[in-house]
PDB file of all heavy atoms in Angstrom:
ATOM      1  N   SER A   1     -18.199  -1.298 -14.842  1.00  0.00           N
ATOM      2  CA  SER A   1     -17.111  -1.824 -14.010  1.00  0.00           C
ATOM      3  C   SER A   1     -15.898  -0.898 -14.045  1.00  0.00           C
ATOM      4  O   SER A   1     -15.277  -0.635 -13.000  1.00  0.00           O
ATOM      5  CB  SER A   1     -16.707  -3.219 -14.479  1.00  0.00           C
ATOM      6  OG  SER A   1     -17.708  -4.146 -14.174  1.00  0.00           O
ATOM      7  N   ALA A   2     -15.566  -0.404 -15.231  1.00  0.00           N
ATOM      8  CA  ALA A   2     -14.431   0.515 -15.349  1.00  0.00           C
ATOM      9  C   ALA A   2     -14.695   1.816 -14.591  1.00  0.00           C
ATOM     10  O   ALA A   2     -13.795   2.343 -13.919  1.00  0.00           O
ATOM     11  CB  ALA A   2     -14.133   0.799 -16.820  1.00  0.00           C
ATOM     12  N   ALA A   3     -15.915   2.324 -14.686  1.00  0.00           N
ATOM     13  CA  ALA A   3     -16.249   3.566 -13.985  1.00  0.00           C
ATOM     14  C   ALA A   3     -16.164   3.388 -12.469  1.00  0.00           C
ATOM     15  O   ALA A   3     -15.663   4.272 -11.761  1.00  0.00           O
ATOM     16  CB  ALA A   3     -17.650   4.024 -14.385  1.00  0.00           C
ATOM     17  N   LEU A   4     -16.631   2.261 -11.981  1.00  0.00           N
ATOM     18  CA  LEU A   4     -16.535   1.993 -10.539  1.00  0.00           C
ATOM     19  C   LEU A   4     -15.077   1.892 -10.096  1.00  0.00           C
ATOM     20  O   LEU A   4     -14.688   2.432  -9.047  1.00  0.00           O
ATOM     21  CB  LEU A   4     -17.278   0.707 -10.185  1.00  0.00           C
ATOM     22  CG  LEU A   4     -18.798   0.771 -10.209  1.00  0.00           C
ATOM     23  CD1 LEU A   4     -19.395  -0.618 -10.069  1.00  0.00           C
ATOM     24  CD2 LEU A   4     -19.303   1.688  -9.111  1.00  0.00           C
ATOM     25  N   TYR A   5     -14.265   1.210 -10.863  1.00  0.00           N
ATOM     26  CA  TYR A   5     -12.850   1.044 -10.534  1.00  0.00           C
ATOM     27  C   TYR A   5     -12.140   2.400 -10.523  1.00  0.00           C
ATOM     28  O   TYR A   5     -11.420   2.724  -9.573  1.00  0.00           O
ATOM     29  CB  TYR A   5     -12.195   0.097 -11.528  1.00  0.00           C
ATOM     30  CG  TYR A   5     -10.734  -0.143 -11.265  1.00  0.00           C
ATOM     31  CD1 TYR A   5     -10.321  -0.908 -10.185  1.00  0.00           C
ATOM     32  CD2 TYR A   5      -9.761   0.406 -12.100  1.00  0.00           C
ATOM     33  CE1 TYR A   5      -8.972  -1.128  -9.930  1.00  0.00           C
ATOM     34  CE2 TYR A   5      -8.412   0.193 -11.860  1.00  0.00           C
ATOM     35  CZ  TYR A   5      -8.027  -0.568 -10.771  1.00  0.00           C
ATOM     36  OH  TYR A   5      -6.699  -0.769 -10.531  1.00  0.00           O
ATOM     37  N   ILE A   6     -12.359   3.192 -11.553  1.00  0.00           N
ATOM     38  CA  ILE A   6     -11.703   4.506 -11.660  1.00  0.00           C
ATOM     39  C   ILE A   6     -12.180   5.447 -10.557  1.00  0.00           C
ATOM     40  O   ILE A   6     -11.381   6.164  -9.948  1.00  0.00           O
ATOM     41  CB  ILE A   6     -11.927   5.109 -13.066  1.00  0.00           C
ATOM     42  CG1 ILE A   6     -11.167   4.274 -14.099  1.00  0.00           C
ATOM     43  CG2 ILE A   6     -11.512   6.558 -13.118  1.00  0.00           C
ATOM     44  CD1 ILE A   6     -11.512   4.599 -15.540  1.00  0.00           C
ATOM     45  N   SER A   7     -13.491   5.424 -10.275  1.00  0.00           N
ATOM     46  CA  SER A   7     -13.987   6.309  -9.214  1.00  0.00           C
ATOM     47  C   SER A   7     -13.436   5.906  -7.853  1.00  0.00           C
ATOM     48  O   SER A   7     -13.192   6.769  -7.001  1.00  0.00           O
ATOM     49  CB  SER A   7     -15.517   6.332  -9.198  1.00  0.00           C
ATOM     50  OG  SER A   7     -16.034   5.066  -8.873  1.00  0.00           O
ATOM     51  N   GLY A   8     -13.202   4.613  -7.631  1.00  0.00           N
ATOM     52  CA  GLY A   8     -12.590   4.167  -6.374  1.00  0.00           C
ATOM     53  C   GLY A   8     -11.164   4.657  -6.237  1.00  0.00           C
ATOM     54  O   GLY A   8     -10.735   5.059  -5.153  1.00  0.00           O
ATOM     55  N   ILE A   9     -10.425   4.622  -7.342  1.00  0.00           N
ATOM     56  CA  ILE A   9      -9.038   5.105  -7.311  1.00  0.00           C
ATOM     57  C   ILE A   9      -9.008   6.619  -7.102  1.00  0.00           C
ATOM     58  O   ILE A   9      -8.195   7.131  -6.314  1.00  0.00           O
ATOM     59  CB  ILE A   9      -8.296   4.705  -8.609  1.00  0.00           C
ATOM     60  CG1 ILE A   9      -8.073   3.196  -8.634  1.00  0.00           C
ATOM     61  CG2 ILE A   9      -6.974   5.446  -8.736  1.00  0.00           C
ATOM     62  CD1 ILE A   9      -7.441   2.681  -9.908  1.00  0.00           C
ATOM     63  N   ILE A  10      -9.897   7.336  -7.780  1.00  0.00           N
ATOM     64  CA  ILE A  10      -9.932   8.800  -7.637  1.00  0.00           C
ATOM     65  C   ILE A  10     -10.307   9.182  -6.203  1.00  0.00           C
ATOM     66  O   ILE A  10      -9.723  10.091  -5.619  1.00  0.00           O
ATOM     67  CB  ILE A  10     -10.919   9.409  -8.652  1.00  0.00           C
ATOM     68  CG1 ILE A  10     -10.357   9.275 -10.072  1.00  0.00           C
ATOM     69  CG2 ILE A  10     -11.218  10.866  -8.329  1.00  0.00           C
ATOM     70  CD1 ILE A  10     -11.331   9.667 -11.164  1.00  0.00           C
ATOM     71  N   ARG A  11     -11.250   8.482  -5.648  1.00  0.00           N
ATOM     72  CA  ARG A  11     -11.754   8.819  -4.309  1.00  0.00           C
ATOM     73  C   ARG A  11     -10.750   8.486  -3.207  1.00  0.00           C
ATOM     74  O   ARG A  11     -10.581   9.270  -2.268  1.00  0.00           O
ATOM     75  CB  ARG A  11     -13.057   8.078  -4.060  1.00  0.00           C
ATOM     76  CG  ARG A  11     -13.715   8.424  -2.795  1.00  0.00           C
ATOM     77  CD  ARG A  11     -15.190   8.441  -2.975  1.00  0.00           C
ATOM     78  NE  ARG A  11     -15.819   8.675  -1.702  1.00  0.00           N
ATOM     79  CZ  ARG A  11     -16.532   9.731  -1.430  1.00  0.00           C
ATOM     80  NH1 ARG A  11     -16.741  10.626  -2.357  1.00  0.00           N
ATOM     81  NH2 ARG A  11     -17.066   9.893  -0.256  1.00  0.00           N
ATOM     82  N   THR A  12     -10.069   7.340  -3.304  1.00  0.00           N
ATOM     83  CA  THR A  12      -9.175   6.917  -2.217  1.00  0.00           C
ATOM     84  C   THR A  12      -7.691   7.068  -2.551  1.00  0.00           C
ATOM     85  O   THR A  12      -6.860   6.976  -1.664  1.00  0.00           O
ATOM     86  CB  THR A  12      -9.431   5.448  -1.844  1.00  0.00           C
ATOM     87  OG1 THR A  12      -9.127   4.614  -2.960  1.00  0.00           O
ATOM     88  CG2 THR A  12     -10.869   5.236  -1.405  1.00  0.00           C
ATOM     89  N   GLY A  13      -7.365   7.215  -3.843  1.00  0.00           N
ATOM     90  CA  GLY A  13      -5.973   7.322  -4.223  1.00  0.00           C
ATOM     91  C   GLY A  13      -5.277   5.978  -4.343  1.00  0.00           C
ATOM     92  O   GLY A  13      -4.080   5.910  -4.571  1.00  0.00           O
ATOM     93  N   SER A  14      -6.015   4.900  -4.210  1.00  0.00           N
ATOM     94  CA  SER A  14      -5.450   3.559  -4.273  1.00  0.00           C
ATOM     95  C   SER A  14      -6.525   2.611  -4.819  1.00  0.00           C
ATOM     96  O   SER A  14      -7.714   2.916  -4.766  1.00  0.00           O
ATOM     97  CB  SER A  14      -5.028   3.110  -2.870  1.00  0.00           C
ATOM     98  OG  SER A  14      -4.730   1.733  -2.859  1.00  0.00           O
ATOM     99  N   ASN A  15      -6.065   1.467  -5.320  1.00  0.00           N
ATOM    100  CA  ASN A  15      -7.049   0.498  -5.801  1.00  0.00           C
ATOM    101  C   ASN A  15      -7.461  -0.469  -4.688  1.00  0.00           C
ATOM    102  O   ASN A  15      -8.203  -1.403  -4.926  1.00  0.00           O
ATOM    103  CB  ASN A  15      -6.537  -0.258  -7.024  1.00  0.00           C
ATOM    104  CG  ASN A  15      -5.376  -1.167  -6.718  1.00  0.00           C
ATOM    105  OD1 ASN A  15      -4.815  -1.123  -5.623  1.00  0.00           O
ATOM    106  ND2 ASN A  15      -5.005  -1.968  -7.686  1.00  0.00           N
ATOM    107  N   LYS A  16      -6.997  -0.231  -3.483  1.00  0.00           N
ATOM    108  CA  LYS A  16      -7.350  -1.075  -2.340  1.00  0.00           C
ATOM    109  C   LYS A  16      -8.559  -0.478  -1.631  1.00  0.00           C
ATOM    110  O   LYS A  16      -8.447   0.137  -0.572  1.00  0.00           O
ATOM    111  CB  LYS A  16      -6.167  -1.192  -1.388  1.00  0.00           C
ATOM    112  CG  LYS A  16      -4.970  -1.854  -2.032  1.00  0.00           C
ATOM    113  CD  LYS A  16      -3.798  -1.894  -1.101  1.00  0.00           C
ATOM    114  CE  LYS A  16      -2.615  -2.522  -1.831  1.00  0.00           C
ATOM    115  NZ  LYS A  16      -1.408  -2.482  -1.033  1.00  0.00           N
ATOM    116  N   ASN A  17      -9.721  -0.680  -2.256  1.00  0.00           N
ATOM    117  CA  ASN A  17     -10.960  -0.157  -1.689  1.00  0.00           C
ATOM    118  C   ASN A  17     -12.124  -1.066  -2.082  1.00  0.00           C
ATOM    119  O   ASN A  17     -11.968  -1.995  -2.875  1.00  0.00           O
ATOM    120  CB  ASN A  17     -11.197   1.288  -2.151  1.00  0.00           C
ATOM    121  CG  ASN A  17     -11.268   1.411  -3.658  1.00  0.00           C
ATOM    122  OD1 ASN A  17     -12.105   0.778  -4.293  1.00  0.00           O
ATOM    123  ND2 ASN A  17     -10.374   2.208  -4.233  1.00  0.00           N
ATOM    124  N   LEU A  18     -13.254  -0.781  -1.516  1.00  0.00           N
ATOM    125  CA  LEU A  18     -14.440  -1.600  -1.746  1.00  0.00           C
ATOM    126  C   LEU A  18     -14.945  -1.501  -3.187  1.00  0.00           C
ATOM    127  O   LEU A  18     -15.456  -2.485  -3.746  1.00  0.00           O
ATOM    128  CB  LEU A  18     -15.542  -1.198  -0.759  1.00  0.00           C
ATOM    129  CG  LEU A  18     -16.782  -2.067  -0.725  1.00  0.00           C
ATOM    130  CD1 LEU A  18     -16.400  -3.506  -0.357  1.00  0.00           C
ATOM    131  CD2 LEU A  18     -17.784  -1.534   0.279  1.00  0.00           C
ATOM    132  N   LEU A  19     -14.792  -0.346  -3.804  1.00  0.00           N
ATOM    133  CA  LEU A  19     -15.265  -0.187  -5.188  1.00  0.00           C
ATOM    134  C   LEU A  19     -14.467  -1.054  -6.166  1.00  0.00           C
ATOM    135  O   LEU A  19     -14.998  -1.477  -7.195  1.00  0.00           O
ATOM    136  CB  LEU A  19     -15.212   1.280  -5.617  1.00  0.00           C
ATOM    137  CG  LEU A  19     -16.309   2.168  -5.035  1.00  0.00           C
ATOM    138  CD1 LEU A  19     -16.133   3.612  -5.485  1.00  0.00           C
ATOM    139  CD2 LEU A  19     -17.681   1.661  -5.414  1.00  0.00           C
ATOM    140  N   THR A  20     -13.218  -1.349  -5.851  1.00  0.00           N
ATOM    141  CA  THR A  20     -12.434  -2.250  -6.699  1.00  0.00           C
ATOM    142  C   THR A  20     -13.029  -3.650  -6.673  1.00  0.00           C
ATOM    143  O   THR A  20     -13.151  -4.308  -7.712  1.00  0.00           O
ATOM    144  CB  THR A  20     -10.967  -2.296  -6.219  1.00  0.00           C
ATOM    145  OG1 THR A  20     -10.408  -0.985  -6.312  1.00  0.00           O
ATOM    146  CG2 THR A  20     -10.150  -3.247  -7.071  1.00  0.00           C
ATOM    147  N   ILE A  21     -13.437  -4.082  -5.507  1.00  0.00           N
ATOM    148  CA  ILE A  21     -14.064  -5.406  -5.396  1.00  0.00           C
ATOM    149  C   ILE A  21     -15.383  -5.438  -6.164  1.00  0.00           C
ATOM    150  O   ILE A  21     -15.667  -6.394  -6.896  1.00  0.00           O
ATOM    151  CB  ILE A  21     -14.272  -5.770  -3.908  1.00  0.00           C
ATOM    152  CG1 ILE A  21     -12.921  -5.914  -3.222  1.00  0.00           C
ATOM    153  CG2 ILE A  21     -15.091  -7.052  -3.771  1.00  0.00           C
ATOM    154  CD1 ILE A  21     -13.004  -6.044  -1.717  1.00  0.00           C
ATOM    155  N   VAL A  22     -16.166  -4.402  -6.016  1.00  0.00           N
ATOM    156  CA  VAL A  22     -17.442  -4.325  -6.745  1.00  0.00           C
ATOM    157  C   VAL A  22     -17.190  -4.297  -8.253  1.00  0.00           C
ATOM    158  O   VAL A  22     -17.903  -4.946  -9.025  1.00  0.00           O
ATOM    159  CB  VAL A  22     -18.255  -3.091  -6.281  1.00  0.00           C
ATOM    160  CG1 VAL A  22     -19.493  -2.904  -7.135  1.00  0.00           C
ATOM    161  CG2 VAL A  22     -18.631  -3.215  -4.813  1.00  0.00           C
ATOM    162  N   ALA A  23     -16.167  -3.570  -8.686  1.00  0.00           N
ATOM    163  CA  ALA A  23     -15.848  -3.495 -10.117  1.00  0.00           C
ATOM    164  C   ALA A  23     -15.413  -4.848 -10.661  1.00  0.00           C
ATOM    165  O   ALA A  23     -15.809  -5.252 -11.757  1.00  0.00           O
ATOM    166  CB  ALA A  23     -14.764  -2.449 -10.363  1.00  0.00           C
ATOM    167  N   VAL A  24     -14.604  -5.566  -9.877  1.00  0.00           N
ATOM    168  CA  VAL A  24     -14.162  -6.896 -10.314  1.00  0.00           C
ATOM    169  C   VAL A  24     -15.348  -7.852 -10.382  1.00  0.00           C
ATOM    170  O   VAL A  24     -15.487  -8.627 -11.335  1.00  0.00           O
ATOM    171  CB  VAL A  24     -13.060  -7.438  -9.372  1.00  0.00           C
ATOM    172  CG1 VAL A  24     -12.782  -8.901  -9.639  1.00  0.00           C
ATOM    173  CG2 VAL A  24     -11.791  -6.619  -9.537  1.00  0.00           C
ATOM    174  N   LEU A  25     -16.217  -7.814  -9.401  1.00  0.00           N
ATOM    175  CA  LEU A  25     -17.416  -8.660  -9.431  1.00  0.00           C
ATOM    176  C   LEU A  25     -18.344  -8.263 -10.579  1.00  0.00           C
ATOM    177  O   LEU A  25     -19.044  -9.102 -11.133  1.00  0.00           O
ATOM    178  CB  LEU A  25     -18.152  -8.593  -8.087  1.00  0.00           C
ATOM    179  CG  LEU A  25     -17.433  -9.250  -6.911  1.00  0.00           C
ATOM    180  CD1 LEU A  25     -18.209  -9.028  -5.620  1.00  0.00           C
ATOM    181  CD2 LEU A  25     -17.225 -10.726  -7.167  1.00  0.00           C
ATOM    182  N   GLY A  26     -18.334  -6.993 -10.934  1.00  0.00           N
ATOM    183  CA  GLY A  26     -19.138  -6.521 -12.066  1.00  0.00           C
ATOM    184  C   GLY A  26     -18.616  -7.036 -13.400  1.00  0.00           C
ATOM    185  O   GLY A  26     -19.346  -7.045 -14.395  1.00  0.00           O
ATOM    186  N   CYS A  27     -17.370  -7.482 -13.416  1.00  0.00           N
ATOM    187  CA  CYS A  27     -16.818  -8.066 -14.643  1.00  0.00           C
ATOM    188  C   CYS A  27     -17.411  -9.437 -14.943  1.00  0.00           C
ATOM    189  O   CYS A  27     -17.367  -9.887 -16.094  1.00  0.00           O
ATOM    190  CB  CYS A  27     -15.292  -8.165 -14.556  1.00  0.00           C
ATOM    191  SG  CYS A  27     -14.470  -6.587 -14.718  1.00  0.00           S
ATOM    192  N   LEU A  28     -17.965 -10.116 -13.949  1.00  0.00           N
ATOM    193  CA  LEU A  28     -18.551 -11.439 -14.181  1.00  0.00           C
ATOM    194  C   LEU A  28     -19.726 -11.388 -15.170  1.00  0.00           C
ATOM    195  O   LEU A  28     -19.718 -12.103 -16.171  1.00  0.00           O
ATOM    196  CB  LEU A  28     -18.958 -12.086 -12.860  1.00  0.00           C
ATOM    197  CG  LEU A  28     -17.800 -12.457 -11.930  1.00  0.00           C
ATOM    198  CD1 LEU A  28     -18.326 -12.921 -10.586  1.00  0.00           C
ATOM    199  CD2 LEU A  28     -16.923 -13.497 -12.575  1.00  0.00           C
ATOM    200  N   PRO A  29     -20.737 -10.547 -14.928  1.00  0.00           N
ATOM    201  CA  PRO A  29     -21.808 -10.477 -15.933  1.00  0.00           C
ATOM    202  C   PRO A  29     -21.326  -9.866 -17.253  1.00  0.00           C
ATOM    203  O   PRO A  29     -21.837 -10.217 -18.322  1.00  0.00           O
ATOM    204  CB  PRO A  29     -22.886  -9.616 -15.280  1.00  0.00           C
ATOM    205  CG  PRO A  29     -22.242  -8.933 -14.144  1.00  0.00           C
ATOM    206  CD  PRO A  29     -21.064  -9.746 -13.742  1.00  0.00           C
ATOM    207  N   ALA A  30     -20.332  -9.000 -17.194  1.00  0.00           N
ATOM    208  CA  ALA A  30     -19.790  -8.420 -18.423  1.00  0.00           C
ATOM    209  C   ALA A  30     -19.112  -9.489 -19.272  1.00  0.00           C
ATOM    210  O   ALA A  30     -19.277  -9.532 -20.495  1.00  0.00           O
ATOM    211  CB  ALA A  30     -18.804  -7.300 -18.088  1.00  0.00           C
ATOM    212  N   CYS A  31     -18.371 -10.379 -18.629  1.00  0.00           N
ATOM    213  CA  CYS A  31     -17.713 -11.465 -19.363  1.00  0.00           C
ATOM    214  C   CYS A  31     -18.733 -12.455 -19.910  1.00  0.00           C
ATOM    215  O   CYS A  31     -18.585 -12.961 -21.026  1.00  0.00           O
ATOM    216  CB  CYS A  31     -16.711 -12.177 -18.465  1.00  0.00           C
ATOM    217  SG  CYS A  31     -15.264 -11.164 -18.088  1.00  0.00           S
ATOM    218  N   LYS A  32     -19.776 -12.736 -19.155  1.00  0.00           N
ATOM    219  CA  LYS A  32     -20.836 -13.622 -19.645  1.00  0.00           C
ATOM    220  C   LYS A  32     -21.500 -12.999 -20.875  1.00  0.00           C
ATOM    221  O   LYS A  32     -21.789 -13.679 -21.858  1.00  0.00           O
ATOM    222  CB  LYS A  32     -21.868 -13.873 -18.556  1.00  0.00           C
ATOM    223  CG  LYS A  32     -22.970 -14.805 -19.003  1.00  0.00           C
ATOM    224  CD  LYS A  32     -23.991 -15.047 -17.915  1.00  0.00           C
ATOM    225  CE  LYS A  32     -25.008 -16.028 -18.441  1.00  0.00           C
ATOM    226  NZ  LYS A  32     -26.352 -15.646 -18.201  1.00  0.00           N
ATOM    227  N   SER A  33     -21.721 -11.716 -20.821  1.00  0.00           N
ATOM    228  CA  SER A  33     -22.310 -11.018 -21.962  1.00  0.00           C
ATOM    229  C   SER A  33     -21.364 -11.033 -23.164  1.00  0.00           C
ATOM    230  O   SER A  33     -21.803 -11.160 -24.307  1.00  0.00           O
ATOM    231  CB  SER A  33     -22.644  -9.577 -21.567  1.00  0.00           C
ATOM    232  OG  SER A  33     -23.268  -8.900 -22.619  1.00  0.00           O
ATOM    233  N   ALA A  34     -20.062 -10.939 -22.910  1.00  0.00           N
ATOM    234  CA  ALA A  34     -19.081 -11.000 -23.998  1.00  0.00           C
ATOM    235  C   ALA A  34     -19.090 -12.363 -24.669  1.00  0.00           C
ATOM    236  O   ALA A  34     -18.988 -12.476 -25.898  1.00  0.00           O
ATOM    237  CB  ALA A  34     -17.682 -10.671 -23.478  1.00  0.00           C
ATOM    238  N   VAL A  35     -19.235 -13.429 -23.876  1.00  0.00           N
ATOM    239  CA  VAL A  35     -19.320 -14.781 -24.442  1.00  0.00           C
ATOM    240  C   VAL A  35     -20.574 -14.906 -25.305  1.00  0.00           C
ATOM    241  O   VAL A  35     -20.535 -15.467 -26.403  1.00  0.00           O
ATOM    242  CB  VAL A  35     -19.301 -15.839 -23.320  1.00  0.00           C
ATOM    243  CG1 VAL A  35     -19.658 -17.211 -23.843  1.00  0.00           C
ATOM    244  CG2 VAL A  35     -17.931 -15.865 -22.655  1.00  0.00           C
ATOM    245  N   ASN A  36     -21.707 -14.378 -24.822  1.00  0.00           N
ATOM    246  CA  ASN A  36     -22.939 -14.396 -25.625  1.00  0.00           C
ATOM    247  C   ASN A  36     -22.760 -13.631 -26.926  1.00  0.00           C
ATOM    248  O   ASN A  36     -23.241 -14.056 -27.977  1.00  0.00           O
ATOM    249  CB  ASN A  36     -24.105 -13.808 -24.838  1.00  0.00           C
ATOM    250  CG  ASN A  36     -24.662 -14.756 -23.825  1.00  0.00           C
ATOM    251  OD1 ASN A  36     -24.478 -15.962 -23.920  1.00  0.00           O
ATOM    252  ND2 ASN A  36     -25.351 -14.220 -22.834  1.00  0.00           N
ATOM    253  N   PHE A  37     -22.066 -12.493 -26.855  1.00  0.00           N
ATOM    254  CA  PHE A  37     -21.825 -11.703 -28.072  1.00  0.00           C
ATOM    255  C   PHE A  37     -21.018 -12.506 -29.085  1.00  0.00           C
ATOM    256  O   PHE A  37     -21.338 -12.510 -30.270  1.00  0.00           O
ATOM    257  CB  PHE A  37     -21.119 -10.403 -27.722  1.00  0.00           C
ATOM    258  CG  PHE A  37     -20.674  -9.625 -28.932  1.00  0.00           C
ATOM    259  CD1 PHE A  37     -21.593  -9.093 -29.811  1.00  0.00           C
ATOM    260  CD2 PHE A  37     -19.322  -9.469 -29.212  1.00  0.00           C
ATOM    261  CE1 PHE A  37     -21.187  -8.395 -30.938  1.00  0.00           C
ATOM    262  CE2 PHE A  37     -18.906  -8.779 -30.331  1.00  0.00           C
ATOM    263  CZ  PHE A  37     -19.851  -8.231 -31.195  1.00  0.00           C
ATOM    264  N   ILE A  38     -19.984 -13.182 -28.627  1.00  0.00           N
ATOM    265  CA  ILE A  38     -19.158 -13.994 -29.529  1.00  0.00           C
ATOM    266  C   ILE A  38     -19.990 -15.113 -30.146  1.00  0.00           C
ATOM    267  O   ILE A  38     -19.884 -15.411 -31.339  1.00  0.00           O
ATOM    268  CB  ILE A  38     -17.924 -14.540 -28.791  1.00  0.00           C
ATOM    269  CG1 ILE A  38     -16.988 -13.396 -28.419  1.00  0.00           C
ATOM    270  CG2 ILE A  38     -17.202 -15.586 -29.625  1.00  0.00           C
ATOM    271  CD1 ILE A  38     -15.899 -13.762 -27.443  1.00  0.00           C
ATOM    272  N   LEU A  39     -20.848 -15.726 -29.346  1.00  0.00           N
ATOM    273  CA  LEU A  39     -21.726 -16.783 -29.850  1.00  0.00           C
ATOM    274  C   LEU A  39     -22.655 -16.259 -30.938  1.00  0.00           C
ATOM    275  O   LEU A  39     -22.787 -16.860 -32.004  1.00  0.00           O
ATOM    276  CB  LEU A  39     -22.539 -17.366 -28.689  1.00  0.00           C
ATOM    277  CG  LEU A  39     -23.487 -18.501 -29.015  1.00  0.00           C
ATOM    278  CD1 LEU A  39     -22.689 -19.752 -29.354  1.00  0.00           C
ATOM    279  CD2 LEU A  39     -24.397 -18.765 -27.841  1.00  0.00           C
ATOM    280  N   PHE A  40     -23.281 -15.122 -30.695  1.00  0.00           N
ATOM    281  CA  PHE A  40     -24.183 -14.548 -31.698  1.00  0.00           C
ATOM    282  C   PHE A  40     -23.419 -14.013 -32.905  1.00  0.00           C
ATOM    283  O   PHE A  40     -23.941 -14.003 -34.021  1.00  0.00           O
ATOM    284  CB  PHE A  40     -25.038 -13.434 -31.088  1.00  0.00           C
ATOM    285  CG  PHE A  40     -26.188 -13.947 -30.286  1.00  0.00           C
ATOM    286  CD1 PHE A  40     -26.217 -13.798 -28.915  1.00  0.00           C
ATOM    287  CD2 PHE A  40     -27.250 -14.593 -30.899  1.00  0.00           C
ATOM    288  CE1 PHE A  40     -27.277 -14.279 -28.170  1.00  0.00           C
ATOM    289  CE2 PHE A  40     -28.317 -15.067 -30.170  1.00  0.00           C
ATOM    290  CZ  PHE A  40     -28.328 -14.915 -28.797  1.00  0.00           C
ATOM    291  N   LEU A  41     -22.193 -13.571 -32.704  1.00  0.00           N
ATOM    292  CA  LEU A  41     -21.390 -13.058 -33.803  1.00  0.00           C
ATOM    293  C   LEU A  41     -21.102 -14.148 -34.826  1.00  0.00           C
ATOM    294  O   LEU A  41     -21.071 -13.895 -36.030  1.00  0.00           O
ATOM    295  CB  LEU A  41     -20.080 -12.473 -33.257  1.00  0.00           C
ATOM    296  CG  LEU A  41     -19.259 -11.607 -34.188  1.00  0.00           C
ATOM    297  CD1 LEU A  41     -20.066 -10.399 -34.621  1.00  0.00           C
ATOM    298  CD2 LEU A  41     -17.987 -11.165 -33.502  1.00  0.00           C
TER     299      LEU A  41
END
């Protein structure tokens, strides 16, 4: 998600692009995985 967000900013010079939306949506499974990690921890 971070790589997609950064590459969108580098490519367009702004965070107002499609890759920002994809990066934010990519945070959903990342957050779910973080909750699972805390549970197993």
